[in-house]
Amino acid sequence: MRAVVQRVRWARVSVAGRVVGTIGPGLCVLVGVGRADVEPDARLLAAKVASLRIFQDDQGRMNRSLVETGGALLAVSQFTLYGDARKGRRPSFTEAMEPGRAAQLFEVFCEECRRSGVRVEQGTFRAHMLVELANDGPVTLLLDSARTF
């Protein structure tokens, strides 16, 4: 699984003009599921996201996690994280998981984050979404469960 993790002051996601998820300070996480991904990948990624020390402590150092700060998480599914644009001008998405199984693994990721004590808001799987946010820092990280954390 792949994730783009952004530390935010606020974030929200809308579908057809209706807000379906909104958070204050915390993380906006774009989550992609690859063809080879399994539940342990979703659990590993969730644990990593919840425990990343990318929030400031009292000395201004990035030394606190989402769990420690009590921040929220906005999770947005994004199969395009598996887009391959190495050839031609149109990306190929053959490495993305088929939608049915991808939805299940996305839900495992969200549920694992909740089990860590994080409030989780979600976009709508397979919907055209408008994601708005204020990136704080900016702090943006790329994570991939296929690589050693």
C-alpha atoms as a PDB file:
ATOM      1  CA  MET A   1       0.000   0.000   0.000  1.00  0.00           C
ATOM      2  CA  ARG A   2       1.100   3.524  -0.649  1.00  0.00           C
ATOM      3  CA  ALA A   3       0.269   6.696   1.203  1.00  0.00           C
ATOM      4  CA  VAL A   4       0.876  10.393   0.803  1.00  0.00           C
ATOM      5  CA  VAL A   5       0.793  11.745   4.354  1.00  0.00           C
ATOM      6  CA  GLN A   6       0.297  15.469   4.836  1.00  0.00           C
ATOM      7  CA  ARG A   7       0.327  17.281   8.160  1.00  0.00           C
ATOM      8  CA  VAL A   8      -2.586  19.711   8.003  1.00  0.00           C
ATOM      9  CA  ARG A   9      -4.202  22.532   9.935  1.00  0.00           C
ATOM     10  CA  TRP A  10      -7.526  21.390   8.461  1.00  0.00           C
ATOM     11  CA  ALA A  11      -8.792  19.216   5.633  1.00  0.00           C
ATOM     12  CA  ARG A  12     -12.102  18.266   4.096  1.00  0.00           C
ATOM     13  CA  VAL A  13     -13.397  16.098   1.299  1.00  0.00           C
ATOM     14  CA  SER A  14     -16.589  16.664  -0.682  1.00  0.00           C
ATOM     15  CA  VAL A  15     -18.579  14.495  -3.071  1.00  0.00           C
ATOM     16  CA  ALA A  16     -21.127  16.118  -5.413  1.00  0.00           C
ATOM     17  CA  GLY A  17     -20.931  19.381  -3.460  1.00  0.00           C
ATOM     18  CA  ARG A  18     -21.549  17.752  -0.062  1.00  0.00           C
ATOM     19  CA  VAL A  19     -18.835  17.555   2.610  1.00  0.00           C
ATOM     20  CA  VAL A  20     -18.420  13.894   3.608  1.00  0.00           C
ATOM     21  CA  GLY A  21     -15.383  14.251   5.879  1.00  0.00           C
ATOM     22  CA  THR A  22     -13.692  17.126   7.682  1.00  0.00           C
ATOM     23  CA  ILE A  23     -10.949  17.439  10.295  1.00  0.00           C
ATOM     24  CA  GLY A  24      -9.061  20.126  12.165  1.00  0.00           C
ATOM     25  CA  PRO A  25      -5.357  19.683  12.931  1.00  0.00           C
ATOM     26  CA  GLY A  26      -4.001  16.278  12.021  1.00  0.00           C
ATOM     27  CA  LEU A  27      -3.179  14.290   8.897  1.00  0.00           C
ATOM     28  CA  CYS A  28      -4.690  14.056   5.450  1.00  0.00           C
ATOM     29  CA  VAL A  29      -3.678  10.676   4.023  1.00  0.00           C
ATOM     30  CA  LEU A  30      -4.146   9.663   0.400  1.00  0.00           C
ATOM     31  CA  VAL A  31      -4.148   5.851   0.338  1.00  0.00           C
ATOM     32  CA  GLY A  32      -3.512   3.624  -2.677  1.00  0.00           C
ATOM     33  CA  VAL A  33      -3.861  -0.160  -2.695  1.00  0.00           C
ATOM     34  CA  GLY A  34      -1.655  -2.241  -4.995  1.00  0.00           C
ATOM     35  CA  ARG A  35      -2.407  -5.604  -6.620  1.00  0.00           C
ATOM     36  CA  ALA A  36      -0.055  -7.476  -4.311  1.00  0.00           C
ATOM     37  CA  ASP A  37      -1.261  -5.886  -1.056  1.00  0.00           C
ATOM     38  CA  VAL A  38      -2.771  -7.932   1.774  1.00  0.00           C
ATOM     39  CA  GLU A  39      -4.245  -7.148   5.205  1.00  0.00           C
ATOM     40  CA  PRO A  40      -0.872  -7.049   6.980  1.00  0.00           C
ATOM     41  CA  ASP A  41       0.130  -4.224   4.611  1.00  0.00           C
ATOM     42  CA  ALA A  42      -2.938  -2.223   5.661  1.00  0.00           C
ATOM     43  CA  ARG A  43      -2.265  -2.839   9.346  1.00  0.00           C
ATOM     44  CA  LEU A  44       1.423  -1.974   9.022  1.00  0.00           C
ATOM     45  CA  LEU A  45       0.679   1.250   7.147  1.00  0.00           C
ATOM     46  CA  ALA A  46      -1.964   2.279   9.697  1.00  0.00           C
ATOM     47  CA  ALA A  47       0.398   1.693  12.616  1.00  0.00           C
ATOM     48  CA  LYS A  48       3.095   3.702  10.886  1.00  0.00           C
ATOM     49  CA  VAL A  49       0.783   6.627  10.111  1.00  0.00           C
ATOM     50  CA  ALA A  50      -0.636   6.782  13.651  1.00  0.00           C
ATOM     51  CA  SER A  51       2.830   6.726  15.231  1.00  0.00           C
ATOM     52  CA  LEU A  52       4.794   9.002  12.860  1.00  0.00           C
ATOM     53  CA  ARG A  53       6.519  11.651  14.957  1.00  0.00           C
ATOM     54  CA  ILE A  54       5.857  14.646  12.709  1.00  0.00           C
ATOM     55  CA  PHE A  55       4.111  17.030  15.107  1.00  0.00           C
ATOM     56  CA  GLN A  56       5.975  19.614  17.146  1.00  0.00           C
ATOM     57  CA  ASP A  57       6.790  19.145  20.807  1.00  0.00           C
ATOM     58  CA  ASP A  58       7.278  21.958  23.331  1.00  0.00           C
ATOM     59  CA  GLN A  59      10.750  22.697  21.884  1.00  0.00           C
ATOM     60  CA  GLY A  60       9.423  22.994  18.328  1.00  0.00           C
ATOM     61  CA  ARG A  61      10.917  19.680  17.175  1.00  0.00           C
ATOM     62  CA  MET A  62       8.968  17.116  15.161  1.00  0.00           C
ATOM     63  CA  ASN A  63       8.761  14.655  18.016  1.00  0.00           C
ATOM     64  CA  ARG A  64       5.063  13.867  18.609  1.00  0.00           C
ATOM     65  CA  SER A  65       2.694  11.475  16.850  1.00  0.00           C
ATOM     66  CA  LEU A  66      -0.917  11.855  15.789  1.00  0.00           C
ATOM     67  CA  VAL A  67      -1.928   9.661  18.714  1.00  0.00           C
ATOM     68  CA  GLU A  68       0.034  11.834  21.171  1.00  0.00           C
ATOM     69  CA  THR A  69      -1.412  15.103  19.877  1.00  0.00           C
ATOM     70  CA  GLY A  70      -5.006  13.909  19.710  1.00  0.00           C
ATOM     71  CA  GLY A  71      -5.223  15.032  16.081  1.00  0.00           C
ATOM     72  CA  ALA A  72      -7.586  13.551  13.524  1.00  0.00           C
ATOM     73  CA  LEU A  73      -7.020  11.761  10.229  1.00  0.00           C
ATOM     74  CA  LEU A  74      -8.787  12.277   6.916  1.00  0.00           C
ATOM     75  CA  ALA A  75      -8.319   9.145   4.784  1.00  0.00           C
ATOM     76  CA  VAL A  76      -8.943   9.409   1.044  1.00  0.00           C
ATOM     77  CA  SER A  77      -8.658   6.425  -1.277  1.00  0.00           C
ATOM     78  CA  GLN A  78      -6.554   7.160  -4.348  1.00  0.00           C
ATOM     79  CA  PHE A  79      -5.794   4.384  -6.831  1.00  0.00           C
ATOM     80  CA  THR A  80      -3.759   6.836  -8.928  1.00  0.00           C
ATOM     81  CA  LEU A  81      -0.883   6.412  -6.467  1.00  0.00           C
ATOM     82  CA  TYR A  82      -0.226   3.243  -8.452  1.00  0.00           C
ATOM     83  CA  GLY A  83      -0.173   5.068 -11.776  1.00  0.00           C
ATOM     84  CA  ASP A  84       2.832   4.251 -13.962  1.00  0.00           C
ATOM     85  CA  ALA A  85       3.756   7.045 -16.368  1.00  0.00           C
ATOM     86  CA  ARG A  86       7.139   5.726 -17.481  1.00  0.00           C
ATOM     87  CA  LYS A  87       5.891   4.998 -21.000  1.00  0.00           C
ATOM     88  CA  GLY A  88       3.918   7.356 -23.178  1.00  0.00           C
ATOM     89  CA  ARG A  89       1.751  10.136 -21.838  1.00  0.00           C
ATOM     90  CA  ARG A  90      -1.197   8.195 -20.421  1.00  0.00           C
ATOM     91  CA  PRO A  91      -0.549   6.502 -17.072  1.00  0.00           C
ATOM     92  CA  SER A  92      -1.207   2.802 -16.669  1.00  0.00           C
ATOM     93  CA  PHE A  93      -3.014   1.663 -13.529  1.00  0.00           C
ATOM     94  CA  THR A  94      -2.469  -2.079 -13.910  1.00  0.00           C
ATOM     95  CA  GLU A  95      -0.625  -2.254 -10.571  1.00  0.00           C
ATOM     96  CA  ALA A  96      -3.642  -0.898  -8.648  1.00  0.00           C
ATOM     97  CA  MET A  97      -5.820  -3.429  -6.808  1.00  0.00           C
ATOM     98  CA  GLU A  98      -9.256  -4.207  -8.235  1.00  0.00           C
ATOM     99  CA  PRO A  99     -11.890  -1.994  -6.563  1.00  0.00           C
ATOM    100  CA  GLY A 100     -13.713  -4.603  -4.456  1.00  0.00           C
ATOM    101  CA  ARG A 101     -10.639  -5.860  -2.624  1.00  0.00           C
ATOM    102  CA  ALA A 102      -9.076  -2.377  -2.537  1.00  0.00           C
ATOM    103  CA  ALA A 103     -12.138  -1.057  -0.683  1.00  0.00           C
ATOM    104  CA  GLN A 104     -11.773  -3.818   1.907  1.00  0.00           C
ATOM    105  CA  LEU A 105      -8.091  -3.054   2.521  1.00  0.00           C
ATOM    106  CA  PHE A 106      -8.783   0.686   2.680  1.00  0.00           C
ATOM    107  CA  GLU A 107     -11.377  -0.047   5.392  1.00  0.00           C
ATOM    108  CA  VAL A 108      -8.846  -2.203   7.282  1.00  0.00           C
ATOM    109  CA  PHE A 109      -6.411   0.738   7.175  1.00  0.00           C
ATOM    110  CA  CYS A 110      -9.068   3.130   8.550  1.00  0.00           C
ATOM    111  CA  GLU A 111     -10.212   0.711  11.252  1.00  0.00           C
ATOM    112  CA  GLU A 112      -6.628   0.086  12.394  1.00  0.00           C
ATOM    113  CA  CYS A 113      -6.092   3.842  12.716  1.00  0.00           C
ATOM    114  CA  ARG A 114      -9.253   4.039  14.831  1.00  0.00           C
ATOM    115  CA  ARG A 115      -7.978   1.206  17.028  1.00  0.00           C
ATOM    116  CA  SER A 116      -4.884   3.319  17.661  1.00  0.00           C
ATOM    117  CA  GLY A 117      -7.149   5.943  19.203  1.00  0.00           C
ATOM    118  CA  VAL A 118      -7.286   8.273  16.195  1.00  0.00           C
ATOM    119  CA  ARG A 119     -10.524   9.914  15.042  1.00  0.00           C
ATOM    120  CA  VAL A 120     -10.846   9.011  11.367  1.00  0.00           C
ATOM    121  CA  GLU A 121     -12.940  10.726   8.710  1.00  0.00           C
ATOM    122  CA  GLN A 122     -13.102   9.242   5.217  1.00  0.00           C
ATOM    123  CA  GLY A 123     -13.755  10.149   1.642  1.00  0.00           C
ATOM    124  CA  THR A 124     -16.127   8.033  -0.446  1.00  0.00           C
ATOM    125  CA  PHE A 125     -14.504   5.074  -2.167  1.00  0.00           C
ATOM    126  CA  ARG A 126     -14.683   5.217  -6.014  1.00  0.00           C
ATOM    127  CA  ALA A 127     -16.314   8.668  -5.995  1.00  0.00           C
ATOM    128  CA  HIS A 128     -15.067  11.800  -7.702  1.00  0.00           C
ATOM    129  CA  MET A 129     -13.903  13.825  -4.701  1.00  0.00           C
ATOM    130  CA  LEU A 130     -12.769  17.363  -4.056  1.00  0.00           C
ATOM    131  CA  VAL A 131     -10.062  17.377  -1.384  1.00  0.00           C
ATOM    132  CA  GLU A 132      -9.186  20.682   0.251  1.00  0.00           C
ATOM    133  CA  LEU A 133      -6.540  21.205   2.912  1.00  0.00           C
ATOM    134  CA  ALA A 134      -4.068  23.560   4.512  1.00  0.00           C
ATOM    135  CA  ASN A 135      -0.724  21.739   4.562  1.00  0.00           C
ATOM    136  CA  ASP A 136       1.068  22.667   7.787  1.00  0.00           C
ATOM    137  CA  GLY A 137       4.814  23.152   7.363  1.00  0.00           C
ATOM    138  CA  PRO A 138       4.496  21.960   4.686  1.00  0.00           C
ATOM    139  CA  VAL A 139       5.125  18.427   5.883  1.00  0.00           C
ATOM    140  CA  THR A 140       4.470  15.701   3.305  1.00  0.00           C
ATOM    141  CA  LEU A 141       5.771  12.121   3.387  1.00  0.00           C
ATOM    142  CA  LEU A 142       5.513   9.207   0.979  1.00  0.00           C
ATOM    143  CA  LEU A 143       5.084   5.755   2.516  1.00  0.00           C
ATOM    144  CA  ASP A 144       5.046   2.363   0.805  1.00  0.00           C
ATOM    145  CA  SER A 145       4.400  -0.899   2.658  1.00  0.00           C
ATOM    146  CA  ALA A 146       6.515  -2.752   0.078  1.00  0.00           C
ATOM    147  CA  ARG A 147       9.551  -0.885   1.383  1.00  0.00           C
ATOM    148  CA  THR A 148      10.937  -1.443   4.841  1.00  0.00           C
ATOM    149  CA  PHE A 149       9.635   1.127   7.293  1.00  0.00           C
END
